[in-house]
């Protein structure tokens, strides 16, 4: 229940950002994403906006940037693409239907968009297909080496595979991109603090 409330607040904040004049003019970036986790994610999305949406925020968190570096997430600037992406996003974070979400994301025709590739990787990971998950995380990072959410989710992938040193490397990459106060850093750091073998939330 609390997680659902947090999701409503996060999505409401996202909608408010989309409605802002500065955002409509092309500003905005930010992180987030992951359901149940990095972002999650009942949906408060309304009809598709013509403003440029960014990668949705995770429950109750906000990515920050260190020393005003460029945006650490990639925006989605095509309204039709953004609307389809939102549907897939809700399929992941509201319905936990990862197989359907993979099909929806691939049907967008933007497999090399880092947000899309990252969520496909996330969905494969949730389905237990670590090989395909890795392929898609690598694809997301090839498209945007500073895609902080991919570094976080891929770090969780590393932990689930028992690769603690690699997860620590991913944590250092996140710190270099958005500092140690951003949600992605805190999330992966918290996962690293858990005893080995602990089930991860996202």
N, C-alpha and C. Protein backbone atom coordinates (compact mmCIF):
# COMPACT_ATOMS: atom_id res chain seq x y z
N UNK A 1 0.83 -1.19 0.00
CA UNK A 1 0.00 0.00 0.00
C UNK A 1 0.87 1.26 0.00
N UNK A 2 1.89 1.27 0.88
CA UNK A 2 2.77 2.44 0.95
C UNK A 2 3.51 2.60 -0.36
N UNK A 3 3.95 1.48 -0.93
CA UNK A 3 4.69 1.56 -2.21
C UNK A 3 3.78 2.12 -3.30
N UNK A 4 2.49 1.72 -3.29
CA UNK A 4 1.55 2.24 -4.29
C UNK A 4 1.38 3.74 -4.11
N UNK A 5 1.27 4.18 -2.86
CA UNK A 5 1.12 5.63 -2.59
C UNK A 5 2.36 6.38 -3.07
N UNK A 6 3.53 5.81 -2.82
CA UNK A 6 4.78 6.45 -3.25
C UNK A 6 4.80 6.56 -4.76
N UNK A 7 4.33 5.51 -5.42
CA UNK A 7 4.31 5.53 -6.88
C UNK A 7 3.41 6.63 -7.41
N UNK A 8 2.23 6.78 -6.78
CA UNK A 8 1.33 7.85 -7.20
C UNK A 8 1.99 9.21 -7.07
N UNK A 9 2.68 9.42 -5.96
CA UNK A 9 3.36 10.71 -5.73
C UNK A 9 4.44 10.91 -6.79
N UNK A 10 5.23 9.86 -7.04
CA UNK A 10 6.32 9.98 -8.02
C UNK A 10 5.79 10.27 -9.41
N UNK A 11 4.73 9.56 -9.80
CA UNK A 11 4.17 9.77 -11.13
C UNK A 11 3.48 11.13 -11.23
N UNK A 12 2.88 11.58 -10.12
CA UNK A 12 2.27 12.91 -10.11
C UNK A 12 3.33 13.99 -10.29
N UNK A 13 4.48 13.80 -9.64
CA UNK A 13 5.59 14.74 -9.80
C UNK A 13 6.07 14.75 -11.24
N UNK A 14 6.15 13.57 -11.85
CA UNK A 14 6.57 13.45 -13.25
C UNK A 14 5.61 14.21 -14.16
N UNK A 15 4.29 14.05 -13.89
CA UNK A 15 3.29 14.73 -14.71
C UNK A 15 3.41 16.24 -14.55
N UNK A 16 3.71 16.70 -13.33
CA UNK A 16 3.85 18.14 -13.10
C UNK A 16 5.05 18.69 -13.87
N UNK A 17 6.12 17.91 -13.92
CA UNK A 17 7.31 18.33 -14.66
C UNK A 17 6.98 18.45 -16.14
N UNK A 18 6.22 17.50 -16.66
CA UNK A 18 5.85 17.53 -18.08
C UNK A 18 5.01 18.77 -18.41
N UNK A 19 4.22 19.21 -17.44
CA UNK A 19 3.35 20.34 -17.68
C UNK A 19 4.05 21.68 -17.54
N UNK A 20 5.25 21.69 -16.99
CA UNK A 20 5.94 22.95 -16.77
C UNK A 20 6.42 23.57 -18.07
N UNK A 21 6.37 24.92 -18.19
CA UNK A 21 6.79 25.60 -19.42
C UNK A 21 8.24 25.31 -19.78
N UNK A 22 9.12 25.25 -18.79
CA UNK A 22 10.54 25.01 -19.08
C UNK A 22 10.72 23.64 -19.67
N UNK A 23 9.98 22.68 -19.15
CA UNK A 23 10.11 21.33 -19.65
C UNK A 23 9.57 21.24 -21.07
N UNK A 24 8.42 21.87 -21.29
CA UNK A 24 7.82 21.83 -22.63
C UNK A 24 8.73 22.46 -23.66
N UNK A 25 9.58 23.38 -23.21
CA UNK A 25 10.50 24.02 -24.14
C UNK A 25 11.70 23.15 -24.45
N UNK A 26 11.78 22.00 -23.82
CA UNK A 26 12.86 21.07 -24.14
C UNK A 26 13.82 20.83 -23.00
N UNK A 27 13.56 21.41 -21.82
CA UNK A 27 14.45 21.19 -20.70
C UNK A 27 14.14 19.87 -20.03
N UNK A 28 14.89 19.57 -19.02
CA UNK A 28 14.58 18.39 -18.21
C UNK A 28 15.44 17.20 -18.58
N UNK A 29 15.61 16.36 -17.64
CA UNK A 29 16.38 15.14 -17.84
C UNK A 29 16.03 14.23 -16.70
N UNK A 30 17.00 13.91 -15.90
CA UNK A 30 16.71 13.17 -14.69
C UNK A 30 16.79 11.68 -14.86
N UNK A 31 16.72 11.01 -13.76
CA UNK A 31 16.88 9.56 -13.76
C UNK A 31 15.59 8.88 -13.43
N UNK A 32 15.70 7.74 -12.85
CA UNK A 32 14.54 7.04 -12.40
C UNK A 32 14.20 5.89 -13.28
N UNK A 33 13.21 5.25 -12.96
CA UNK A 33 12.74 4.19 -13.77
C UNK A 33 12.62 2.96 -12.94
N UNK A 34 12.40 1.98 -12.91
CA UNK A 34 12.38 0.75 -12.30
C UNK A 34 11.17 0.55 -11.50
N UNK A 35 10.52 -0.42 -11.56
CA UNK A 35 9.33 -0.57 -10.84
C UNK A 35 9.57 -1.23 -9.59
N UNK A 36 8.67 -1.13 -8.81
CA UNK A 36 8.84 -1.67 -7.54
C UNK A 36 10.11 -1.12 -7.05
N UNK A 37 10.98 -0.75 -7.87
CA UNK A 37 12.26 -0.32 -7.48
C UNK A 37 12.60 0.94 -8.14
N UNK A 38 13.55 0.99 -8.98
CA UNK A 38 14.02 2.25 -9.46
C UNK A 38 12.91 2.89 -10.12
N UNK A 39 12.24 2.62 -10.57
CA UNK A 39 11.06 3.34 -10.49
C UNK A 39 9.98 2.61 -10.46
N UNK A 40 9.09 2.84 -10.25
CA UNK A 40 8.16 2.16 -10.32
C UNK A 40 7.80 2.88 -10.66
N UNK A 41 6.20 1.57 -10.33
CA UNK A 41 5.49 2.35 -11.13
C UNK A 41 4.22 1.96 -11.50
N UNK A 42 -2.28 1.85 -9.51
CA UNK A 42 -2.67 2.64 -10.32
C UNK A 42 -2.30 3.82 -10.97
N UNK A 43 -1.99 3.85 -12.19
CA UNK A 43 -1.22 4.80 -13.00
C UNK A 43 -1.90 6.13 -13.02
N UNK A 44 -1.12 7.18 -12.87
CA UNK A 44 -1.67 8.53 -12.93
C UNK A 44 -1.43 9.14 -14.29
N UNK A 45 -0.97 8.35 -15.25
CA UNK A 45 -0.74 8.88 -16.58
C UNK A 45 -2.07 9.24 -17.22
N UNK A 46 -2.09 10.37 -17.89
CA UNK A 46 -3.28 10.76 -18.63
C UNK A 46 -2.98 10.60 -20.10
N UNK A 47 -3.76 11.24 -20.93
CA UNK A 47 -3.53 11.15 -22.37
C UNK A 47 -2.12 11.58 -22.68
N UNK A 48 -1.51 11.00 -23.72
CA UNK A 48 -0.14 11.34 -24.06
C UNK A 48 0.06 12.83 -24.22
N UNK A 49 1.15 13.31 -23.67
CA UNK A 49 1.48 14.73 -23.74
C UNK A 49 2.33 14.99 -24.97
N UNK A 50 2.27 16.23 -25.44
CA UNK A 50 3.13 16.58 -26.57
C UNK A 50 4.47 17.10 -26.06
N UNK A 51 4.59 17.26 -24.74
CA UNK A 51 5.87 17.68 -24.16
C UNK A 51 6.82 16.49 -24.19
N UNK A 52 8.11 16.78 -24.05
CA UNK A 52 9.10 15.71 -24.06
C UNK A 52 9.14 15.02 -22.71
N UNK A 53 8.70 13.76 -22.62
CA UNK A 53 8.82 13.08 -21.34
C UNK A 53 10.23 12.56 -21.15
N UNK A 54 10.63 12.43 -19.91
CA UNK A 54 11.91 11.81 -19.62
C UNK A 54 11.64 10.43 -19.07
N UNK A 55 12.69 9.75 -18.77
CA UNK A 55 12.55 8.44 -18.17
C UNK A 55 11.82 8.61 -16.85
N UNK A 56 10.74 7.87 -16.62
CA UNK A 56 9.95 8.05 -15.40
C UNK A 56 10.76 7.82 -14.13
N UNK A 57 10.32 8.46 -13.07
CA UNK A 57 11.02 8.38 -11.80
C UNK A 57 10.65 7.12 -11.04
N UNK A 58 11.57 6.66 -10.22
CA UNK A 58 11.29 5.53 -9.36
C UNK A 58 10.56 6.04 -8.14
N UNK A 59 9.90 5.17 -7.45
CA UNK A 59 9.10 5.52 -6.29
C UNK A 59 9.83 6.42 -5.31
N UNK A 60 9.29 7.59 -5.12
CA UNK A 60 9.76 8.46 -4.08
C UNK A 60 11.21 8.85 -4.14
N UNK A 61 11.84 8.75 -5.28
CA UNK A 61 13.25 9.09 -5.36
C UNK A 61 13.48 10.10 -6.47
N UNK A 62 14.60 10.74 -6.40
CA UNK A 62 14.94 11.70 -7.43
C UNK A 62 16.43 11.64 -7.67
N UNK A 63 16.78 11.46 -8.94
CA UNK A 63 18.20 11.46 -9.27
C UNK A 63 18.71 12.88 -9.22
N UNK A 64 19.87 13.05 -8.70
CA UNK A 64 20.47 14.38 -8.65
C UNK A 64 21.73 14.37 -9.48
N UNK A 65 22.24 15.54 -9.75
CA UNK A 65 23.43 15.62 -10.56
C UNK A 65 24.52 16.35 -9.80
N UNK A 66 25.73 15.87 -9.98
CA UNK A 66 26.88 16.43 -9.29
C UNK A 66 27.50 17.49 -10.19
N UNK A 67 27.73 18.65 -9.61
CA UNK A 67 28.38 19.75 -10.33
C UNK A 67 27.69 20.09 -11.66
N UNK A 68 26.37 19.99 -11.67
CA UNK A 68 25.58 20.37 -12.84
C UNK A 68 26.06 19.69 -14.12
N UNK A 69 26.31 18.41 -14.04
CA UNK A 69 26.70 17.66 -15.23
C UNK A 69 25.48 17.54 -16.14
N UNK A 70 25.69 17.14 -17.40
CA UNK A 70 24.55 16.97 -18.30
C UNK A 70 23.58 15.94 -17.75
N UNK A 71 22.37 15.93 -18.32
CA UNK A 71 21.34 15.00 -17.88
C UNK A 71 21.89 13.58 -17.86
N UNK A 72 21.51 12.82 -16.83
CA UNK A 72 22.03 11.47 -16.72
C UNK A 72 21.04 10.42 -17.20
N UNK A 73 19.97 10.82 -17.81
CA UNK A 73 19.03 9.92 -18.45
C UNK A 73 18.67 10.52 -19.80
N UNK A 74 18.28 9.68 -20.71
CA UNK A 74 17.95 10.15 -22.05
C UNK A 74 16.46 10.44 -22.15
N UNK A 75 16.12 11.54 -22.81
CA UNK A 75 14.72 11.91 -22.94
C UNK A 75 14.07 11.17 -24.10
N UNK A 76 12.76 11.15 -24.08
CA UNK A 76 11.97 10.54 -25.14
C UNK A 76 11.20 11.69 -25.78
N UNK A 77 11.56 12.05 -27.02
CA UNK A 77 11.00 13.27 -27.59
C UNK A 77 9.91 13.08 -28.63
N UNK A 78 9.53 11.88 -28.98
CA UNK A 78 8.47 11.63 -29.93
C UNK A 78 7.21 11.24 -29.15
N UNK A 79 6.13 12.01 -29.27
CA UNK A 79 4.92 11.74 -28.47
C UNK A 79 4.37 10.32 -28.64
N UNK A 80 4.39 9.80 -29.85
CA UNK A 80 3.87 8.44 -30.09
C UNK A 80 4.77 7.40 -29.40
N UNK A 81 6.06 7.60 -29.53
CA UNK A 81 7.04 6.74 -28.87
C UNK A 81 6.86 6.82 -27.35
N UNK A 82 6.72 8.05 -26.84
CA UNK A 82 6.56 8.25 -25.40
C UNK A 82 5.31 7.55 -24.88
N UNK A 83 4.22 7.63 -25.63
CA UNK A 83 2.97 7.00 -25.21
C UNK A 83 3.13 5.48 -25.16
N UNK A 84 3.76 4.91 -26.18
CA UNK A 84 3.99 3.47 -26.19
C UNK A 84 4.92 3.03 -25.08
N UNK A 85 5.91 3.87 -24.83
CA UNK A 85 6.86 3.59 -23.76
C UNK A 85 6.15 3.57 -22.40
N UNK A 86 5.24 4.53 -22.20
CA UNK A 86 4.49 4.59 -20.94
C UNK A 86 3.65 3.33 -20.73
N UNK A 87 3.05 2.83 -21.83
CA UNK A 87 2.25 1.61 -21.72
C UNK A 87 3.13 0.45 -21.27
N UNK A 88 4.30 0.32 -21.90
CA UNK A 88 5.23 -0.76 -21.54
C UNK A 88 5.72 -0.59 -20.10
N UNK A 89 5.98 0.66 -19.74
CA UNK A 89 6.44 0.97 -18.39
C UNK A 89 5.42 0.51 -17.35
N UNK A 90 4.16 0.81 -17.60
CA UNK A 90 3.10 0.38 -16.69
C UNK A 90 2.95 -1.14 -16.70
N UNK A 91 3.17 -1.75 -17.85
CA UNK A 91 3.10 -3.21 -17.93
C UNK A 91 4.15 -3.83 -17.01
N UNK A 92 5.31 -3.21 -16.95
CA UNK A 92 6.37 -3.71 -16.07
C UNK A 92 6.05 -3.43 -14.61
N UNK A 93 5.84 -2.16 -14.30
CA UNK A 93 5.80 -1.76 -12.91
C UNK A 93 4.44 -1.85 -12.23
N UNK A 94 3.38 -1.91 -13.01
CA UNK A 94 2.05 -2.05 -12.42
C UNK A 94 1.55 -3.49 -12.52
N UNK A 95 1.85 -4.16 -13.63
CA UNK A 95 1.32 -5.51 -13.85
C UNK A 95 2.38 -6.60 -13.67
N UNK A 96 3.65 -6.20 -13.63
CA UNK A 96 4.74 -7.17 -13.52
C UNK A 96 4.68 -8.23 -14.62
N UNK A 97 4.21 -7.82 -15.79
CA UNK A 97 4.12 -8.73 -16.94
C UNK A 97 5.32 -8.45 -17.84
N UNK A 98 6.45 -9.03 -17.49
CA UNK A 98 7.71 -8.71 -18.14
C UNK A 98 7.78 -9.20 -19.58
N UNK A 99 7.21 -10.36 -19.86
CA UNK A 99 7.23 -10.88 -21.23
C UNK A 99 6.44 -9.96 -22.15
N UNK A 100 5.26 -9.52 -21.71
CA UNK A 100 4.45 -8.62 -22.53
C UNK A 100 5.18 -7.28 -22.70
N UNK A 101 5.83 -6.82 -21.66
CA UNK A 101 6.54 -5.54 -21.74
C UNK A 101 7.68 -5.61 -22.75
N UNK A 102 8.39 -6.73 -22.79
CA UNK A 102 9.48 -6.88 -23.76
C UNK A 102 8.93 -6.73 -25.17
N UNK A 103 7.80 -7.40 -25.44
CA UNK A 103 7.18 -7.31 -26.77
C UNK A 103 6.75 -5.87 -27.06
N UNK A 104 6.18 -5.20 -26.08
CA UNK A 104 5.73 -3.82 -26.27
C UNK A 104 6.92 -2.90 -26.53
N UNK A 105 7.98 -3.06 -25.77
CA UNK A 105 9.15 -2.21 -25.95
C UNK A 105 9.81 -2.44 -27.30
N UNK A 106 9.92 -3.69 -27.71
CA UNK A 106 10.53 -3.98 -29.01
C UNK A 106 9.68 -3.46 -30.15
N UNK A 107 8.36 -3.44 -29.97
CA UNK A 107 7.47 -2.97 -31.03
C UNK A 107 7.59 -1.46 -31.26
N UNK A 108 8.23 -0.75 -30.34
CA UNK A 108 8.39 0.70 -30.49
C UNK A 108 9.36 1.05 -31.61
N UNK A 109 10.21 0.11 -31.99
CA UNK A 109 11.16 0.35 -33.06
C UNK A 109 12.33 1.23 -32.66
N UNK A 110 12.61 1.31 -31.37
CA UNK A 110 13.72 2.12 -30.86
C UNK A 110 14.57 1.30 -29.91
N UNK A 111 14.96 0.10 -30.35
CA UNK A 111 15.71 -0.80 -29.48
C UNK A 111 17.02 -0.21 -28.98
N UNK A 112 17.58 0.74 -29.73
CA UNK A 112 18.85 1.32 -29.31
C UNK A 112 18.69 2.55 -28.43
N UNK A 113 17.47 2.93 -28.13
CA UNK A 113 17.26 4.02 -27.17
C UNK A 113 17.63 3.46 -25.79
N UNK A 114 18.48 4.14 -25.04
CA UNK A 114 18.94 3.58 -23.77
C UNK A 114 17.83 3.27 -22.78
N UNK A 115 16.78 4.09 -22.74
CA UNK A 115 15.68 3.82 -21.82
C UNK A 115 14.98 2.51 -22.19
N UNK A 116 14.79 2.31 -23.49
CA UNK A 116 14.12 1.10 -23.98
C UNK A 116 15.00 -0.12 -23.73
N UNK A 117 16.25 -0.04 -24.14
CA UNK A 117 17.15 -1.17 -23.96
C UNK A 117 17.31 -1.53 -22.49
N UNK A 118 17.38 -0.53 -21.62
CA UNK A 118 17.51 -0.78 -20.20
C UNK A 118 16.29 -1.52 -19.65
N UNK A 119 15.10 -1.07 -20.04
CA UNK A 119 13.90 -1.74 -19.53
C UNK A 119 13.73 -3.14 -20.10
N UNK A 120 14.19 -3.36 -21.32
CA UNK A 120 14.16 -4.71 -21.86
C UNK A 120 15.12 -5.59 -21.04
N UNK A 121 16.30 -5.05 -20.75
CA UNK A 121 17.25 -5.78 -19.91
C UNK A 121 16.68 -6.07 -18.53
N UNK A 122 16.02 -5.07 -17.96
CA UNK A 122 15.40 -5.24 -16.64
C UNK A 122 14.35 -6.35 -16.69
N UNK A 123 13.52 -6.34 -17.74
CA UNK A 123 12.46 -7.33 -17.87
C UNK A 123 13.03 -8.74 -18.02
N UNK A 124 14.08 -8.87 -18.83
CA UNK A 124 14.70 -10.19 -18.96
C UNK A 124 15.29 -10.64 -17.62
N UNK A 125 15.87 -9.71 -16.90
CA UNK A 125 16.43 -10.08 -15.59
C UNK A 125 15.33 -10.56 -14.65
N UNK A 126 14.19 -9.88 -14.65
CA UNK A 126 13.08 -10.28 -13.80
C UNK A 126 12.54 -11.65 -14.20
N UNK A 127 12.69 -11.99 -15.49
CA UNK A 127 12.26 -13.30 -15.97
C UNK A 127 13.32 -14.38 -15.72
N UNK A 128 14.49 -13.97 -15.22
CA UNK A 128 15.55 -14.92 -14.94
C UNK A 128 16.45 -15.23 -16.12
N UNK A 129 16.30 -14.48 -17.22
CA UNK A 129 17.14 -14.70 -18.40
C UNK A 129 18.32 -13.72 -18.33
N UNK A 130 19.34 -14.10 -17.58
CA UNK A 130 20.47 -13.21 -17.33
C UNK A 130 21.31 -12.96 -18.58
N UNK A 131 21.35 -13.93 -19.46
CA UNK A 131 22.14 -13.75 -20.68
C UNK A 131 21.55 -12.66 -21.56
N UNK A 132 20.23 -12.74 -21.81
CA UNK A 132 19.59 -11.70 -22.61
C UNK A 132 19.59 -10.36 -21.88
N UNK A 133 19.41 -10.41 -20.59
CA UNK A 133 19.43 -9.19 -19.79
C UNK A 133 20.75 -8.45 -19.98
N UNK A 134 21.84 -9.18 -19.90
CA UNK A 134 23.16 -8.57 -20.07
C UNK A 134 23.32 -7.94 -21.45
N UNK A 135 22.85 -8.65 -22.47
CA UNK A 135 22.93 -8.12 -23.84
C UNK A 135 22.26 -6.75 -23.91
N UNK A 136 21.09 -6.64 -23.31
CA UNK A 136 20.33 -5.38 -23.40
C UNK A 136 20.91 -4.28 -22.52
N UNK A 137 21.44 -4.64 -21.36
CA UNK A 137 22.11 -3.63 -20.54
C UNK A 137 23.33 -3.08 -21.27
N UNK A 138 24.08 -3.96 -21.90
CA UNK A 138 25.26 -3.51 -22.66
C UNK A 138 24.83 -2.61 -23.82
N UNK A 139 23.72 -2.95 -24.44
CA UNK A 139 23.21 -2.14 -25.55
C UNK A 139 22.82 -0.75 -25.07
N UNK A 140 22.18 -0.68 -23.91
CA UNK A 140 21.79 0.62 -23.35
C UNK A 140 23.02 1.47 -23.06
N UNK A 141 24.06 0.86 -22.50
CA UNK A 141 25.28 1.61 -22.17
C UNK A 141 26.07 1.99 -23.41
N UNK A 142 25.96 1.20 -24.46
CA UNK A 142 26.60 1.57 -25.72
C UNK A 142 25.93 2.82 -26.29
N UNK A 143 24.60 2.89 -26.16
CA UNK A 143 23.86 4.04 -26.66
C UNK A 143 24.10 5.28 -25.80
N UNK A 144 24.25 5.08 -24.50
CA UNK A 144 24.47 6.20 -23.58
C UNK A 144 25.32 5.72 -22.41
N UNK A 145 26.64 5.92 -22.48
CA UNK A 145 27.53 5.46 -21.42
C UNK A 145 27.26 6.09 -20.06
N UNK A 146 26.50 7.17 -20.02
CA UNK A 146 26.17 7.83 -18.76
C UNK A 146 24.73 7.56 -18.32
N UNK A 147 24.13 6.53 -18.85
CA UNK A 147 22.75 6.20 -18.48
C UNK A 147 22.77 5.57 -17.09
N UNK A 148 22.58 6.43 -16.10
CA UNK A 148 22.80 6.04 -14.71
C UNK A 148 21.88 4.92 -14.25
N UNK A 149 20.66 4.89 -14.73
CA UNK A 149 19.75 3.83 -14.31
C UNK A 149 20.23 2.47 -14.81
N UNK A 150 20.80 2.44 -16.00
CA UNK A 150 21.34 1.17 -16.49
C UNK A 150 22.52 0.73 -15.62
N UNK A 151 23.38 1.66 -15.23
CA UNK A 151 24.48 1.29 -14.35
C UNK A 151 23.94 0.70 -13.04
N UNK A 152 22.85 1.27 -12.54
CA UNK A 152 22.27 0.76 -11.31
C UNK A 152 21.68 -0.63 -11.51
N UNK A 153 20.82 -0.77 -12.53
CA UNK A 153 20.17 -2.06 -12.76
C UNK A 153 21.19 -3.14 -13.13
N UNK A 154 22.18 -2.76 -13.91
CA UNK A 154 23.22 -3.71 -14.29
C UNK A 154 24.05 -4.07 -13.05
N UNK A 155 24.21 -3.13 -12.14
CA UNK A 155 24.89 -3.43 -10.88
C UNK A 155 24.12 -4.45 -10.06
N UNK A 156 22.79 -4.32 -10.06
CA UNK A 156 21.96 -5.31 -9.37
C UNK A 156 22.08 -6.66 -10.05
N UNK A 157 22.15 -6.64 -11.39
CA UNK A 157 22.38 -7.87 -12.16
C UNK A 157 23.68 -8.52 -11.69
N UNK A 158 24.73 -7.70 -11.55
CA UNK A 158 26.03 -8.22 -11.12
C UNK A 158 25.92 -8.86 -9.74
N UNK A 159 25.22 -8.21 -8.84
CA UNK A 159 25.05 -8.78 -7.49
C UNK A 159 24.31 -10.11 -7.54
N UNK A 160 23.24 -10.17 -8.34
CA UNK A 160 22.47 -11.40 -8.45
C UNK A 160 23.31 -12.53 -9.04
N UNK A 161 24.30 -12.18 -9.82
CA UNK A 161 25.17 -13.18 -10.43
C UNK A 161 26.40 -13.48 -9.54
N UNK A 162 26.47 -12.80 -8.39
CA UNK A 162 27.59 -13.05 -7.47
C UNK A 162 28.84 -12.25 -7.80
N UNK A 163 28.72 -11.25 -8.66
CA UNK A 163 29.87 -10.45 -9.09
C UNK A 163 29.95 -9.15 -8.27
N UNK A 164 30.29 -9.28 -7.02
CA UNK A 164 30.30 -8.12 -6.11
C UNK A 164 31.29 -7.04 -6.57
N UNK A 165 32.46 -7.44 -7.02
CA UNK A 165 33.46 -6.45 -7.45
C UNK A 165 32.95 -5.64 -8.65
N UNK A 166 32.28 -6.32 -9.56
CA UNK A 166 31.72 -5.61 -10.71
C UNK A 166 30.60 -4.66 -10.26
N UNK A 167 29.80 -5.10 -9.30
CA UNK A 167 28.75 -4.23 -8.78
C UNK A 167 29.36 -2.98 -8.15
N UNK A 168 30.48 -3.14 -7.46
CA UNK A 168 31.17 -1.98 -6.88
C UNK A 168 31.67 -1.05 -7.97
N UNK A 169 32.13 -1.61 -9.07
CA UNK A 169 32.56 -0.78 -10.20
C UNK A 169 31.37 0.01 -10.74
N UNK A 170 30.22 -0.65 -10.86
CA UNK A 170 29.03 0.04 -11.34
C UNK A 170 28.65 1.17 -10.38
N UNK A 171 28.81 0.91 -9.08
CA UNK A 171 28.52 1.95 -8.09
C UNK A 171 29.45 3.15 -8.29
N UNK A 172 30.71 2.89 -8.61
CA UNK A 172 31.66 3.99 -8.84
C UNK A 172 31.30 4.77 -10.10
N UNK A 173 30.77 4.09 -11.10
CA UNK A 173 30.35 4.78 -12.33
C UNK A 173 29.16 5.69 -12.03
N UNK A 174 28.24 5.21 -11.21
CA UNK A 174 27.08 6.04 -10.83
C UNK A 174 27.56 7.27 -10.08
N UNK A 175 28.49 7.09 -9.15
CA UNK A 175 29.02 8.23 -8.38
C UNK A 175 29.65 9.26 -9.31
N UNK A 176 30.35 8.80 -10.33
CA UNK A 176 31.00 9.72 -11.27
C UNK A 176 29.97 10.48 -12.10
N UNK A 177 28.82 9.89 -12.34
CA UNK A 177 27.80 10.52 -13.18
C UNK A 177 26.91 11.45 -12.37
N UNK A 178 26.42 10.98 -11.22
CA UNK A 178 25.44 11.81 -10.50
C UNK A 178 25.76 12.00 -9.02
N UNK A 179 26.91 11.55 -8.58
CA UNK A 179 27.28 11.75 -7.18
C UNK A 179 26.75 10.64 -6.29
N UNK A 180 26.95 10.80 -5.00
CA UNK A 180 26.55 9.77 -4.04
C UNK A 180 25.20 10.05 -3.39
N UNK A 181 24.57 11.17 -3.76
CA UNK A 181 23.27 11.49 -3.19
C UNK A 181 22.11 11.13 -4.11
N UNK A 182 22.41 10.70 -5.33
CA UNK A 182 21.31 10.37 -6.25
C UNK A 182 20.70 9.03 -5.88
N UNK A 183 19.47 8.84 -6.28
CA UNK A 183 18.70 7.64 -5.92
C UNK A 183 19.37 6.37 -6.41
N UNK A 184 19.94 6.43 -7.61
CA UNK A 184 20.55 5.24 -8.19
C UNK A 184 21.75 4.77 -7.36
N UNK A 185 22.55 5.73 -6.91
CA UNK A 185 23.70 5.39 -6.07
C UNK A 185 23.23 4.78 -4.76
N UNK A 186 22.28 5.45 -4.11
CA UNK A 186 21.81 4.98 -2.81
C UNK A 186 21.20 3.58 -2.90
N UNK A 187 20.46 3.35 -3.99
CA UNK A 187 19.82 2.05 -4.17
C UNK A 187 20.84 0.92 -4.31
N UNK A 188 21.81 1.12 -5.20
CA UNK A 188 22.81 0.08 -5.41
C UNK A 188 23.69 -0.08 -4.17
N UNK A 189 24.03 1.03 -3.51
CA UNK A 189 24.83 0.95 -2.29
C UNK A 189 24.10 0.16 -1.21
N UNK A 190 22.78 0.38 -1.09
CA UNK A 190 21.98 -0.36 -0.10
C UNK A 190 21.97 -1.85 -0.43
N UNK A 191 21.87 -2.18 -1.73
CA UNK A 191 21.89 -3.59 -2.13
C UNK A 191 23.24 -4.22 -1.81
N UNK A 192 24.31 -3.46 -2.00
CA UNK A 192 25.65 -3.97 -1.70
C UNK A 192 25.85 -4.19 -0.20
N UNK A 193 25.12 -3.44 0.63
CA UNK A 193 25.24 -3.58 2.08
C UNK A 193 24.52 -4.82 2.62
N UNK A 194 23.65 -5.41 1.79
CA UNK A 194 22.91 -6.58 2.25
C UNK A 194 23.80 -7.82 2.20
N UNK A 195 23.53 -8.77 3.06
CA UNK A 195 24.32 -10.02 3.05
C UNK A 195 24.20 -10.73 1.70
N UNK A 196 25.27 -11.37 1.29
CA UNK A 196 25.26 -12.13 0.05
C UNK A 196 24.13 -13.14 0.05
N UNK A 197 23.43 -13.20 -1.06
CA UNK A 197 22.32 -14.14 -1.20
C UNK A 197 20.97 -13.56 -0.84
N UNK A 198 20.95 -12.31 -0.33
CA UNK A 198 19.69 -11.66 0.00
C UNK A 198 18.94 -11.34 -1.29
N UNK A 199 17.66 -11.61 -1.31
CA UNK A 199 16.83 -11.30 -2.48
C UNK A 199 16.76 -9.79 -2.64
N UNK A 200 16.92 -9.33 -3.88
CA UNK A 200 16.90 -7.90 -4.15
C UNK A 200 15.49 -7.46 -4.52
N UNK A 201 15.16 -6.21 -4.17
CA UNK A 201 13.80 -5.72 -4.37
C UNK A 201 13.47 -5.46 -5.84
N UNK A 202 14.49 -5.12 -6.67
CA UNK A 202 14.19 -4.84 -8.05
C UNK A 202 15.28 -5.29 -8.96
